[in-house]
């Protein structure tokens, strides 16, 4: 299990890297992305919808809320990524898939 500081570092790096990719992609697609207090939000205007990616330090997971669902990702050292156990998707793959449900042409 990850220690507090290691989880904080890995989750910050993972969410920041995702933010950087989404911020660049938002120039070509119709959504906004913001970082606030370590949490990332992706917002769509019409119809309004919001996805939230945030670290949950007590359980050492990254939680994602998208399409009225909640996803809990654990760190997998062998993949060097936060991964959804049920599907094997990485954080980046999960968010890219969620955005593609909204914008079928989306690719990250």
PDB file of N, CA and C in Angstrom:
ATOM      1  N   UNK A   1       0.843  -1.191   0.000  1.00  0.00           N
ATOM      2  CA  UNK A   1       0.000   0.000   0.000  1.00  0.00           C
ATOM      3  C   UNK A   1       0.884   1.249   0.000  1.00  0.00           C
ATOM      4  N   UNK A   2       0.429   2.237  -0.700  1.00  0.00           N
ATOM      5  CA  UNK A   2       1.173   3.492  -0.798  1.00  0.00           C
ATOM      6  C   UNK A   2       1.130   4.257   0.517  1.00  0.00           C
ATOM      7  N   UNK A   3       2.230   4.921   0.831  1.00  0.00           N
ATOM      8  CA  UNK A   3       2.243   5.848   1.955  1.00  0.00           C
ATOM      9  C   UNK A   3       1.561   7.147   1.560  1.00  0.00           C
ATOM     10  N   UNK A   4       1.261   7.980   2.549  1.00  0.00           N
ATOM     11  CA  UNK A   4       0.569   9.247   2.294  1.00  0.00           C
ATOM     12  C   UNK A   4       1.301  10.123   1.283  1.00  0.00           C
ATOM     13  N   UNK A   5       2.595  10.330   1.516  1.00  0.00           N
ATOM     14  CA  UNK A   5       3.351  11.222   0.636  1.00  0.00           C
ATOM     15  C   UNK A   5       3.492  10.648  -0.770  1.00  0.00           C
ATOM     16  N   UNK A   6       3.719   9.344  -0.855  1.00  0.00           N
ATOM     17  CA  UNK A   6       3.855   8.724  -2.173  1.00  0.00           C
ATOM     18  C   UNK A   6       2.536   8.791  -2.936  1.00  0.00           C
ATOM     19  N   UNK A   7       1.417   8.517  -2.249  1.00  0.00           N
ATOM     20  CA  UNK A   7       0.117   8.638  -2.910  1.00  0.00           C
ATOM     21  C   UNK A   7      -0.094  10.066  -3.399  1.00  0.00           C
ATOM     22  N   UNK A   8       0.201  11.036  -2.540  1.00  0.00           N
ATOM     23  CA  UNK A   8      -0.008  12.439  -2.917  1.00  0.00           C
ATOM     24  C   UNK A   8       0.810  12.797  -4.156  1.00  0.00           C
ATOM     25  N   UNK A   9       2.057  12.369  -4.174  1.00  0.00           N
ATOM     26  CA  UNK A   9       2.925  12.652  -5.328  1.00  0.00           C
ATOM     27  C   UNK A   9       2.394  11.974  -6.597  1.00  0.00           C
ATOM     28  N   UNK A  10       2.070  10.703  -6.507  1.00  0.00           N
ATOM     29  CA  UNK A  10       1.612   9.959  -7.687  1.00  0.00           C
ATOM     30  C   UNK A  10       0.263  10.465  -8.190  1.00  0.00           C
ATOM     31  N   UNK A  11      -0.652  10.767  -7.277  1.00  0.00           N
ATOM     32  CA  UNK A  11      -1.960  11.272  -7.713  1.00  0.00           C
ATOM     33  C   UNK A  11      -1.822  12.673  -8.314  1.00  0.00           C
ATOM     34  N   UNK A  12      -0.994  13.523  -7.702  1.00  0.00           N
ATOM     35  CA  UNK A  12      -0.768  14.862  -8.264  1.00  0.00           C
ATOM     36  C   UNK A  12      -0.163  14.769  -9.667  1.00  0.00           C
ATOM     37  N   UNK A  13       0.828  13.916  -9.830  1.00  0.00           N
ATOM     38  CA  UNK A  13       1.460  13.752 -11.143  1.00  0.00           C
ATOM     39  C   UNK A  13       0.471  13.231 -12.171  1.00  0.00           C
ATOM     40  N   UNK A  14      -0.331  12.246 -11.795  1.00  0.00           N
ATOM     41  CA  UNK A  14      -1.287  11.635 -12.721  1.00  0.00           C
ATOM     42  C   UNK A  14      -2.375  12.621 -13.138  1.00  0.00           C
ATOM     43  N   UNK A  15      -2.930  13.322 -12.165  1.00  0.00           N
ATOM     44  CA  UNK A  15      -4.006  14.277 -12.467  1.00  0.00           C
ATOM     45  C   UNK A  15      -3.451  15.472 -13.236  1.00  0.00           C
ATOM     46  N   UNK A  16      -2.256  15.941 -12.898  1.00  0.00           N
ATOM     47  CA  UNK A  16      -1.647  17.065 -13.625  1.00  0.00           C
ATOM     48  C   UNK A  16      -1.332  16.699 -15.068  1.00  0.00           C
ATOM     49  N   UNK A  17      -0.827  15.482 -15.284  1.00  0.00           N
ATOM     50  CA  UNK A  17      -0.534  15.034 -16.652  1.00  0.00           C
ATOM     51  C   UNK A  17      -1.820  14.938 -17.459  1.00  0.00           C
ATOM     52  N   UNK A  18      -2.893  14.441 -16.840  1.00  0.00           N
ATOM     53  CA  UNK A  18      -4.182  14.366 -17.521  1.00  0.00           C
ATOM     54  C   UNK A  18      -4.696  15.765 -17.838  1.00  0.00           C
ATOM     55  N   UNK A  19      -4.568  16.675 -16.882  1.00  0.00           N
ATOM     56  CA  UNK A  19      -4.986  18.058 -17.105  1.00  0.00           C
ATOM     57  C   UNK A  19      -4.263  18.664 -18.303  1.00  0.00           C
ATOM     58  N   UNK A  20      -2.953  18.472 -18.372  1.00  0.00           N
ATOM     59  CA  UNK A  20      -2.177  19.035 -19.481  1.00  0.00           C
ATOM     60  C   UNK A  20      -2.697  18.533 -20.826  1.00  0.00           C
ATOM     61  N   UNK A  21      -2.973  17.245 -20.939  1.00  0.00           N
ATOM     62  CA  UNK A  21      -3.472  16.672 -22.192  1.00  0.00           C
ATOM     63  C   UNK A  21      -4.875  17.179 -22.513  1.00  0.00           C
ATOM     64  N   UNK A  22      -5.723  17.250 -21.493  1.00  0.00           N
ATOM     65  CA  UNK A  22      -7.091  17.720 -21.722  1.00  0.00           C
ATOM     66  C   UNK A  22      -7.132  19.208 -22.048  1.00  0.00           C
ATOM     67  N   UNK A  23      -6.270  19.997 -21.415  1.00  0.00           N
ATOM     68  CA  UNK A  23      -6.222  21.437 -21.695  1.00  0.00           C
ATOM     69  C   UNK A  23      -5.858  21.669 -23.157  1.00  0.00           C
ATOM     70  N   UNK A  24      -4.909  20.895 -23.658  1.00  0.00           N
ATOM     71  CA  UNK A  24      -4.535  21.008 -25.066  1.00  0.00           C
ATOM     72  C   UNK A  24      -5.686  20.554 -25.974  1.00  0.00           C
ATOM     73  N   UNK A  25      -6.320  19.439 -25.619  1.00  0.00           N
ATOM     74  CA  UNK A  25      -7.423  18.912 -26.428  1.00  0.00           C
ATOM     75  C   UNK A  25      -8.636  19.842 -26.413  1.00  0.00           C
ATOM     76  N   UNK A  26      -8.823  20.587 -25.325  1.00  0.00           N
ATOM     77  CA  UNK A  26      -9.998  21.462 -25.227  1.00  0.00           C
ATOM     78  C   UNK A  26      -9.957  22.591 -26.245  1.00  0.00           C
ATOM     79  N   UNK A  27      -8.792  22.836 -26.846  1.00  0.00           N
ATOM     80  CA  UNK A  27      -8.706  23.826 -27.917  1.00  0.00           C
ATOM     81  C   UNK A  27      -9.412  23.340 -29.176  1.00  0.00           C
ATOM     82  N   UNK A  28      -9.511  22.019 -29.337  1.00  0.00           N
ATOM     83  CA  UNK A  28     -10.102  21.435 -30.537  1.00  0.00           C
ATOM     84  C   UNK A  28     -11.493  20.860 -30.320  1.00  0.00           C
ATOM     85  N   UNK A  29     -11.910  20.716 -29.076  1.00  0.00           N
ATOM     86  CA  UNK A  29     -13.204  20.112 -28.756  1.00  0.00           C
ATOM     87  C   UNK A  29     -13.990  21.039 -27.844  1.00  0.00           C
ATOM     88  N   UNK A  30     -15.299  20.807 -27.770  1.00  0.00           N
ATOM     89  CA  UNK A  30     -16.163  21.704 -27.012  1.00  0.00           C
ATOM     90  C   UNK A  30     -16.326  21.266 -25.564  1.00  0.00           C
ATOM     91  N   UNK A  31     -15.292  21.487 -24.775  1.00  0.00           N
ATOM     92  CA  UNK A  31     -15.368  21.312 -23.332  1.00  0.00           C
ATOM     93  C   UNK A  31     -14.313  22.198 -22.688  1.00  0.00           C
ATOM     94  N   UNK A  32     -14.506  22.474 -21.414  1.00  0.00           N
ATOM     95  CA  UNK A  32     -13.551  23.248 -20.626  1.00  0.00           C
ATOM     96  C   UNK A  32     -12.969  22.326 -19.565  1.00  0.00           C
ATOM     97  N   UNK A  33     -11.728  22.575 -19.215  1.00  0.00           N
ATOM     98  CA  UNK A  33     -11.072  21.788 -18.178  1.00  0.00           C
ATOM     99  C   UNK A  33     -10.412  22.740 -17.190  1.00  0.00           C
ATOM    100  N   UNK A  34     -10.539  22.431 -15.896  1.00  0.00           N
ATOM    101  CA  UNK A  34      -9.968  23.270 -14.849  1.00  0.00           C
ATOM    102  C   UNK A  34      -9.351  22.399 -13.761  1.00  0.00           C
ATOM    103  N   UNK A  35      -8.346  22.963 -13.091  1.00  0.00           N
ATOM    104  CA  UNK A  35      -7.758  22.344 -11.900  1.00  0.00           C
ATOM    105  C   UNK A  35      -8.022  23.279 -10.733  1.00  0.00           C
ATOM    106  N   UNK A  36      -8.474  22.702  -9.626  1.00  0.00           N
ATOM    107  CA  UNK A  36      -8.724  23.516  -8.441  1.00  0.00           C
ATOM    108  C   UNK A  36      -8.519  22.639  -7.204  1.00  0.00           C
ATOM    109  N   UNK A  37      -7.535  22.971  -6.395  1.00  0.00           N
ATOM    110  CA  UNK A  37      -7.294  22.234  -5.165  1.00  0.00           C
ATOM    111  C   UNK A  37      -6.945  20.776  -5.380  1.00  0.00           C
ATOM    112  N   UNK A  38      -6.279  20.469  -6.480  1.00  0.00           N
ATOM    113  CA  UNK A  38      -5.890  19.100  -6.761  1.00  0.00           C
ATOM    114  C   UNK A  38      -6.925  18.287  -7.497  1.00  0.00           C
ATOM    115  N   UNK A  39      -8.125  18.849  -7.695  1.00  0.00           N
ATOM    116  CA  UNK A  39      -9.194  18.171  -8.423  1.00  0.00           C
ATOM    117  C   UNK A  39      -9.309  18.745  -9.827  1.00  0.00           C
ATOM    118  N   UNK A  40      -9.620  17.895 -10.761  1.00  0.00           N
ATOM    119  CA  UNK A  40      -9.766  18.283 -12.159  1.00  0.00           C
ATOM    120  C   UNK A  40     -11.247  18.189 -12.525  1.00  0.00           C
ATOM    121  N   UNK A  41     -11.748  19.195 -13.244  1.00  0.00           N
ATOM    122  CA  UNK A  41     -13.120  19.134 -13.740  1.00  0.00           C
ATOM    123  C   UNK A  41     -13.120  19.320 -15.248  1.00  0.00           C
ATOM    124  N   UNK A  42     -13.988  18.575 -15.892  1.00  0.00           N
ATOM    125  CA  UNK A  42     -14.247  18.709 -17.322  1.00  0.00           C
ATOM    126  C   UNK A  42     -15.704  19.118 -17.430  1.00  0.00           C
ATOM    127  N   UNK A  43     -15.961  20.242 -18.109  1.00  0.00           N
ATOM    128  CA  UNK A  43     -17.329  20.740 -18.194  1.00  0.00           C
ATOM    129  C   UNK A  43     -17.762  20.911 -19.645  1.00  0.00           C
ATOM    130  N   UNK A  44     -19.006  20.510 -19.881  1.00  0.00           N
ATOM    131  CA  UNK A  44     -19.646  20.664 -21.183  1.00  0.00           C
ATOM    132  C   UNK A  44     -20.801  21.640 -21.010  1.00  0.00           C
ATOM    133  N   UNK A  45     -21.055  22.452 -22.054  1.00  0.00           N
ATOM    134  CA  UNK A  45     -22.093  23.482 -21.930  1.00  0.00           C
ATOM    135  C   UNK A  45     -23.472  23.032 -22.351  1.00  0.00           C
ATOM    136  N   UNK A  46     -23.608  22.382 -23.494  1.00  0.00           N
ATOM    137  CA  UNK A  46     -24.940  22.139 -24.037  1.00  0.00           C
ATOM    138  C   UNK A  46     -25.117  20.693 -24.472  1.00  0.00           C
ATOM    139  N   UNK A  47     -25.810  19.885 -23.715  1.00  0.00           N
ATOM    140  CA  UNK A  47     -26.387  20.167 -22.398  1.00  0.00           C
ATOM    141  C   UNK A  47     -25.305  20.156 -21.328  1.00  0.00           C
ATOM    142  N   UNK A  48     -25.558  20.854 -20.228  1.00  0.00           N
ATOM    143  CA  UNK A  48     -24.554  20.953 -19.178  1.00  0.00           C
ATOM    144  C   UNK A  48     -24.234  19.589 -18.560  1.00  0.00           C
ATOM    145  N   UNK A  49     -22.967  19.367 -18.354  1.00  0.00           N
ATOM    146  CA  UNK A  49     -22.512  18.139 -17.720  1.00  0.00           C
ATOM    147  C   UNK A  49     -21.109  18.381 -17.178  1.00  0.00           C
ATOM    148  N   UNK A  50     -20.774  17.705 -16.067  1.00  0.00           N
ATOM    149  CA  UNK A  50     -19.464  17.885 -15.450  1.00  0.00           C
ATOM    150  C   UNK A  50     -18.910  16.522 -15.045  1.00  0.00           C
ATOM    151  N   UNK A  51     -17.631  16.321 -15.335  1.00  0.00           N
ATOM    152  CA  UNK A  51     -16.879  15.164 -14.848  1.00  0.00           C
ATOM    153  C   UNK A  51     -15.893  15.693 -13.825  1.00  0.00           C
ATOM    154  N   UNK A  52     -15.673  14.938 -12.760  1.00  0.00           N
ATOM    155  CA  UNK A  52     -14.731  15.351 -11.715  1.00  0.00           C
ATOM    156  C   UNK A  52     -13.740  14.218 -11.457  1.00  0.00           C
ATOM    157  N   UNK A  53     -12.471  14.580 -11.395  1.00  0.00           N
ATOM    158  CA  UNK A  53     -11.391  13.644 -11.071  1.00  0.00           C
ATOM    159  C   UNK A  53     -10.707  14.196  -9.827  1.00  0.00           C
ATOM    160  N   UNK A  54     -10.693  13.400  -8.742  1.00  0.00           N
ATOM    161  CA  UNK A  54     -10.094  13.911  -7.509  1.00  0.00           C
ATOM    162  C   UNK A  54      -9.408  12.800  -6.725  1.00  0.00           C
ATOM    163  N   UNK A  55      -8.335  13.169  -6.025  1.00  0.00           N
ATOM    164  CA  UNK A  55      -7.667  12.187  -5.168  1.00  0.00           C
ATOM    165  C   UNK A  55      -8.476  11.973  -3.900  1.00  0.00           C
ATOM    166  N   UNK A  56      -8.485  10.750  -3.408  1.00  0.00           N
ATOM    167  CA  UNK A  56      -9.104  10.450  -2.120  1.00  0.00           C
ATOM    168  C   UNK A  56      -8.006   9.839  -1.253  1.00  0.00           C
ATOM    169  N   UNK A  57      -7.331  10.697  -0.518  1.00  0.00           N
ATOM    170  CA  UNK A  57      -6.154  10.286   0.259  1.00  0.00           C
ATOM    171  C   UNK A  57      -6.415   9.198   1.291  1.00  0.00           C
ATOM    172  N   UNK A  58      -7.516   9.245   2.062  1.00  0.00           N
ATOM    173  CA  UNK A  58      -7.699   8.208   3.087  1.00  0.00           C
ATOM    174  C   UNK A  58      -7.703   6.777   2.532  1.00  0.00           C
ATOM    175  N   UNK A  59      -8.231   6.583   1.320  1.00  0.00           N
ATOM    176  CA  UNK A  59      -8.271   5.238   0.734  1.00  0.00           C
ATOM    177  C   UNK A  59      -7.238   5.061  -0.374  1.00  0.00           C
ATOM    178  N   UNK A  60      -6.456   6.117  -0.630  1.00  0.00           N
ATOM    179  CA  UNK A  60      -5.382   6.116  -1.630  1.00  0.00           C
ATOM    180  C   UNK A  60      -5.881   5.691  -3.014  1.00  0.00           C
ATOM    181  N   UNK A  61      -6.938   6.354  -3.434  1.00  0.00           N
ATOM    182  CA  UNK A  61      -7.518   6.118  -4.751  1.00  0.00           C
ATOM    183  C   UNK A  61      -7.760   7.451  -5.434  1.00  0.00           C
ATOM    184  N   UNK A  62      -7.878   7.395  -6.756  1.00  0.00           N
ATOM    185  CA  UNK A  62      -8.399   8.531  -7.513  1.00  0.00           C
ATOM    186  C   UNK A  62      -9.839   8.194  -7.836  1.00  0.00           C
ATOM    187  N   UNK A  63     -10.728   9.119  -7.511  1.00  0.00           N
ATOM    188  CA  UNK A  63     -12.144   8.908  -7.773  1.00  0.00           C
ATOM    189  C   UNK A  63     -12.550   9.769  -8.960  1.00  0.00           C
ATOM    190  N   UNK A  64     -13.363   9.181  -9.816  1.00  0.00           N
ATOM    191  CA  UNK A  64     -13.869   9.864 -11.001  1.00  0.00           C
ATOM    192  C   UNK A  64     -15.388   9.803 -10.971  1.00  0.00           C
ATOM    193  N   UNK A  65     -16.003  10.938 -11.197  1.00  0.00           N
ATOM    194  CA  UNK A  65     -17.449  11.008 -11.347  1.00  0.00           C
ATOM    195  C   UNK A  65     -17.720  11.450 -12.778  1.00  0.00           C
ATOM    196  N   UNK A  66     -18.407  10.569 -13.529  1.00  0.00           N
ATOM    197  CA  UNK A  66     -18.716  10.875 -14.937  1.00  0.00           C
ATOM    198  C   UNK A  66     -19.958  10.096 -15.350  1.00  0.00           C
ATOM    199  N   UNK A  67     -20.827  10.741 -16.092  1.00  0.00           N
ATOM    200  CA  UNK A  67     -22.056  10.107 -16.593  1.00  0.00           C
ATOM    201  C   UNK A  67     -22.862   9.472 -15.456  1.00  0.00           C
ATOM    202  N   UNK A  68     -23.012  10.208 -14.352  1.00  0.00           N
ATOM    203  CA  UNK A  68     -23.784   9.779 -13.195  1.00  0.00           C
ATOM    204  C   UNK A  68     -23.284   8.442 -12.634  1.00  0.00           C
ATOM    205  N   UNK A  69     -21.992   8.209 -12.750  1.00  0.00           N
ATOM    206  CA  UNK A  69     -21.356   7.028 -12.193  1.00  0.00           C
ATOM    207  C   UNK A  69     -20.118   7.454 -11.419  1.00  0.00           C
ATOM    208  N   UNK A  70     -19.712   6.597 -10.515  1.00  0.00           N
ATOM    209  CA  UNK A  70     -18.496   6.832  -9.751  1.00  0.00           C
ATOM    210  C   UNK A  70     -17.520   5.699 -10.022  1.00  0.00           C
ATOM    211  N   UNK A  71     -16.278   6.060 -10.257  1.00  0.00           N
ATOM    212  CA  UNK A  71     -15.221   5.093 -10.542  1.00  0.00           C
ATOM    213  C   UNK A  71     -14.096   5.306  -9.542  1.00  0.00           C
ATOM    214  N   UNK A  72     -13.533   4.220  -9.019  1.00  0.00           N
ATOM    215  CA  UNK A  72     -12.472   4.299  -8.021  1.00  0.00           C
ATOM    216  C   UNK A  72     -11.256   3.565  -8.563  1.00  0.00           C
ATOM    217  N   UNK A  73     -10.185   4.325  -8.788  1.00  0.00           N
ATOM    218  CA  UNK A  73      -8.983   3.768  -9.396  1.00  0.00           C
ATOM    219  C   UNK A  73      -7.873   3.610  -8.366  1.00  0.00           C
ATOM    220  N   UNK A  74      -7.206   2.464  -8.428  1.00  0.00           N
ATOM    221  CA  UNK A  74      -6.090   2.158  -7.535  1.00  0.00           C
ATOM    222  C   UNK A  74      -4.781   2.243  -8.297  1.00  0.00           C
ATOM    223  N   UNK A  75      -3.700   2.546  -7.569  1.00  0.00           N
ATOM    224  CA  UNK A  75      -2.373   2.593  -8.164  1.00  0.00           C
ATOM    225  C   UNK A  75      -1.900   1.177  -8.477  1.00  0.00           C
ATOM    226  N   UNK A  76      -1.444   0.959  -9.692  1.00  0.00           N
ATOM    227  CA  UNK A  76      -0.854  -0.316 -10.109  1.00  0.00           C
ATOM    228  C   UNK A  76       0.595  -0.034 -10.495  1.00  0.00           C
ATOM    229  N   UNK A  77       1.524  -0.404  -9.629  1.00  0.00           N
ATOM    230  CA  UNK A  77       2.937  -0.103  -9.845  1.00  0.00           C
ATOM    231  C   UNK A  77       3.448  -0.721 -11.142  1.00  0.00           C
ATOM    232  N   UNK A  78       2.980  -1.939 -11.465  1.00  0.00           N
ATOM    233  CA  UNK A  78       3.460  -2.598 -12.677  1.00  0.00           C
ATOM    234  C   UNK A  78       3.070  -1.851 -13.951  1.00  0.00           C
ATOM    235  N   UNK A  79       2.038  -1.036 -13.884  1.00  0.00           N
ATOM    236  CA  UNK A  79       1.632  -0.218 -15.030  1.00  0.00           C
ATOM    237  C   UNK A  79       2.005   1.246 -14.844  1.00  0.00           C
ATOM    238  N   UNK A  80       2.489   1.576 -13.666  1.00  0.00           N
ATOM    239  CA  UNK A  80       2.824   2.962 -13.315  1.00  0.00           C
ATOM    240  C   UNK A  80       1.640   3.883 -13.622  1.00  0.00           C
ATOM    241  N   UNK A  81       0.438   3.448 -13.172  1.00  0.00           N
ATOM    242  CA  UNK A  81      -0.772   4.205 -13.465  1.00  0.00           C
ATOM    243  C   UNK A  81      -1.866   3.862 -12.451  1.00  0.00           C
ATOM    244  N   UNK A  82      -2.804   4.787 -12.307  1.00  0.00           N
ATOM    245  CA  UNK A  82      -4.021   4.494 -11.558  1.00  0.00           C
ATOM    246  C   UNK A  82      -4.954   3.767 -12.517  1.00  0.00           C
ATOM    247  N   UNK A  83      -5.519   2.641 -12.055  1.00  0.00           N
ATOM    248  CA  UNK A  83      -6.254   1.734 -12.928  1.00  0.00           C
ATOM    249  C   UNK A  83      -7.592   1.369 -12.285  1.00  0.00           C
ATOM    250  N   UNK A  84      -8.631   1.267 -13.114  1.00  0.00           N
ATOM    251  CA  UNK A  84      -9.940   0.793 -12.679  1.00  0.00           C
ATOM    252  C   UNK A  84      -9.918  -0.730 -12.707  1.00  0.00           C
ATOM    253  N   UNK A  85     -10.036  -1.357 -11.543  1.00  0.00           N
ATOM    254  CA  UNK A  85      -9.889  -2.814 -11.433  1.00  0.00           C
ATOM    255  C   UNK A  85     -10.884  -3.569 -12.319  1.00  0.00           C
ATOM    256  N   UNK A  86     -12.113  -3.097 -12.408  1.00  0.00           N
ATOM    257  CA  UNK A  86     -13.156  -3.822 -13.139  1.00  0.00           C
ATOM    258  C   UNK A  86     -12.868  -3.959 -14.633  1.00  0.00           C
ATOM    259  N   UNK A  87     -12.183  -2.961 -15.208  1.00  0.00           N
ATOM    260  CA  UNK A  87     -11.982  -2.960 -16.663  1.00  0.00           C
ATOM    261  C   UNK A  87     -10.510  -2.966 -17.075  1.00  0.00           C
ATOM    262  N   UNK A  88      -9.625  -2.618 -16.143  1.00  0.00           N
ATOM    263  CA  UNK A  88      -8.209  -2.501 -16.477  1.00  0.00           C
ATOM    264  C   UNK A  88      -7.861  -1.191 -17.150  1.00  0.00           C
ATOM    265  N   UNK A  89      -8.833  -0.273 -17.243  1.00  0.00           N
ATOM    266  CA  UNK A  89      -8.580   1.027 -17.873  1.00  0.00           C
ATOM    267  C   UNK A  89      -7.738   1.908 -16.962  1.00  0.00           C
ATOM    268  N   UNK A  90      -6.805   2.634 -17.566  1.00  0.00           N
ATOM    269  CA  UNK A  90      -6.044   3.638 -16.834  1.00  0.00           C
ATOM    270  C   UNK A  90      -6.916   4.883 -16.665  1.00  0.00           C
ATOM    271  N   UNK A  91      -6.468   5.793 -15.817  1.00  0.00           N
ATOM    272  CA  UNK A  91      -7.186   7.054 -15.616  1.00  0.00           C
ATOM    273  C   UNK A  91      -7.385   7.764 -16.948  1.00  0.00           C
ATOM    274  N   UNK A  92      -6.329   7.855 -17.738  1.00  0.00           N
ATOM    275  CA  UNK A  92      -6.416   8.537 -19.034  1.00  0.00           C
ATOM    276  C   UNK A  92      -7.421   7.840 -19.962  1.00  0.00           C
ATOM    277  N   UNK A  93      -7.381   6.512 -20.010  1.00  0.00           N
ATOM    278  CA  UNK A  93      -8.306   5.763 -20.866  1.00  0.00           C
ATOM    279  C   UNK A  93      -9.753   5.943 -20.407  1.00  0.00           C
ATOM    280  N   UNK A  94      -9.976   5.928 -19.094  1.00  0.00           N
ATOM    281  CA  UNK A  94     -11.317   6.095 -18.549  1.00  0.00           C
ATOM    282  C   UNK A  94     -11.900   7.451 -18.924  1.00  0.00           C
ATOM    283  N   UNK A  95     -11.115   8.512 -18.736  1.00  0.00           N
ATOM    284  CA  UNK A  95     -11.590   9.868 -19.046  1.00  0.00           C
ATOM    285  C   UNK A  95     -11.777  10.037 -20.556  1.00  0.00           C
ATOM    286  N   UNK A  96     -10.841   9.537 -21.344  1.00  0.00           N
ATOM    287  CA  UNK A  96     -10.979   9.631 -22.805  1.00  0.00           C
ATOM    288  C   UNK A  96     -12.259   8.928 -23.263  1.00  0.00           C
ATOM    289  N   UNK A  97     -12.549   7.772 -22.692  1.00  0.00           N
ATOM    290  CA  UNK A  97     -13.769   7.048 -23.033  1.00  0.00           C
ATOM    291  C   UNK A  97     -15.022   7.798 -22.611  1.00  0.00           C
ATOM    292  N   UNK A  98     -14.983   8.406 -21.426  1.00  0.00           N
ATOM    293  CA  UNK A  98     -16.131   9.172 -20.934  1.00  0.00           C
ATOM    294  C   UNK A  98     -16.397  10.382 -21.823  1.00  0.00           C
ATOM    295  N   UNK A  99     -15.345  11.068 -22.231  1.00  0.00           N
ATOM    296  CA  UNK A  99     -15.514  12.232 -23.115  1.00  0.00           C
ATOM    297  C   UNK A  99     -16.003  11.772 -24.488  1.00  0.00           C
ATOM    298  N   UNK A 100     -15.499  10.644 -24.976  1.00  0.00           N
ATOM    299  CA  UNK A 100     -15.911  10.132 -26.290  1.00  0.00           C
ATOM    300  C   UNK A 100     -17.385   9.737 -26.300  1.00  0.00           C
ATOM    301  N   UNK A 101     -17.950   9.372 -25.152  1.00  0.00           N
ATOM    302  CA  UNK A 101     -19.394   9.102 -25.097  1.00  0.00           C
ATOM    303  C   UNK A 101     -20.164  10.379 -25.374  1.00  0.00           C
ATOM    304  N   UNK A 102     -19.602  11.486 -24.978  1.00  0.00           N
ATOM    305  CA  UNK A 102     -20.233  12.788 -25.164  1.00  0.00           C
ATOM    306  C   UNK A 102     -19.883  13.382 -26.538  1.00  0.00           C
ATOM    307  N   UNK A 103     -18.613  13.209 -26.938  1.00  0.00           N
ATOM    308  CA  UNK A 103     -18.096  13.738 -28.210  1.00  0.00           C
ATOM    309  C   UNK A 103     -17.473  12.560 -28.969  1.00  0.00           C
ATOM    310  N   UNK A 104     -18.250  11.856 -29.790  1.00  0.00           N
ATOM    311  CA  UNK A 104     -17.764  10.628 -30.429  1.00  0.00           C
ATOM    312  C   UNK A 104     -16.453  10.778 -31.205  1.00  0.00           C
ATOM    313  N   UNK A 105     -16.161  11.959 -31.700  1.00  0.00           N
ATOM    314  CA  UNK A 105     -14.946  12.174 -32.479  1.00  0.00           C
ATOM    315  C   UNK A 105     -13.712  12.390 -31.592  1.00  0.00           C
ATOM    316  N   UNK A 106     -13.898  12.453 -30.269  1.00  0.00           N
ATOM    317  CA  UNK A 106     -12.807  12.778 -29.351  1.00  0.00           C
ATOM    318  C   UNK A 106     -11.753  11.676 -29.312  1.00  0.00           C
ATOM    319  N   UNK A 107     -10.494  12.122 -29.347  1.00  0.00           N
ATOM    320  CA  UNK A 107      -9.335  11.255 -29.119  1.00  0.00           C
ATOM    321  C   UNK A 107      -8.328  12.023 -28.303  1.00  0.00           C
ATOM    322  N   UNK A 108      -7.756  11.359 -27.321  1.00  0.00           N
ATOM    323  CA  UNK A 108      -6.782  12.014 -26.455  1.00  0.00           C
ATOM    324  C   UNK A 108      -5.383  11.610 -26.867  1.00  0.00           C
TER     325      UNK A 108
END
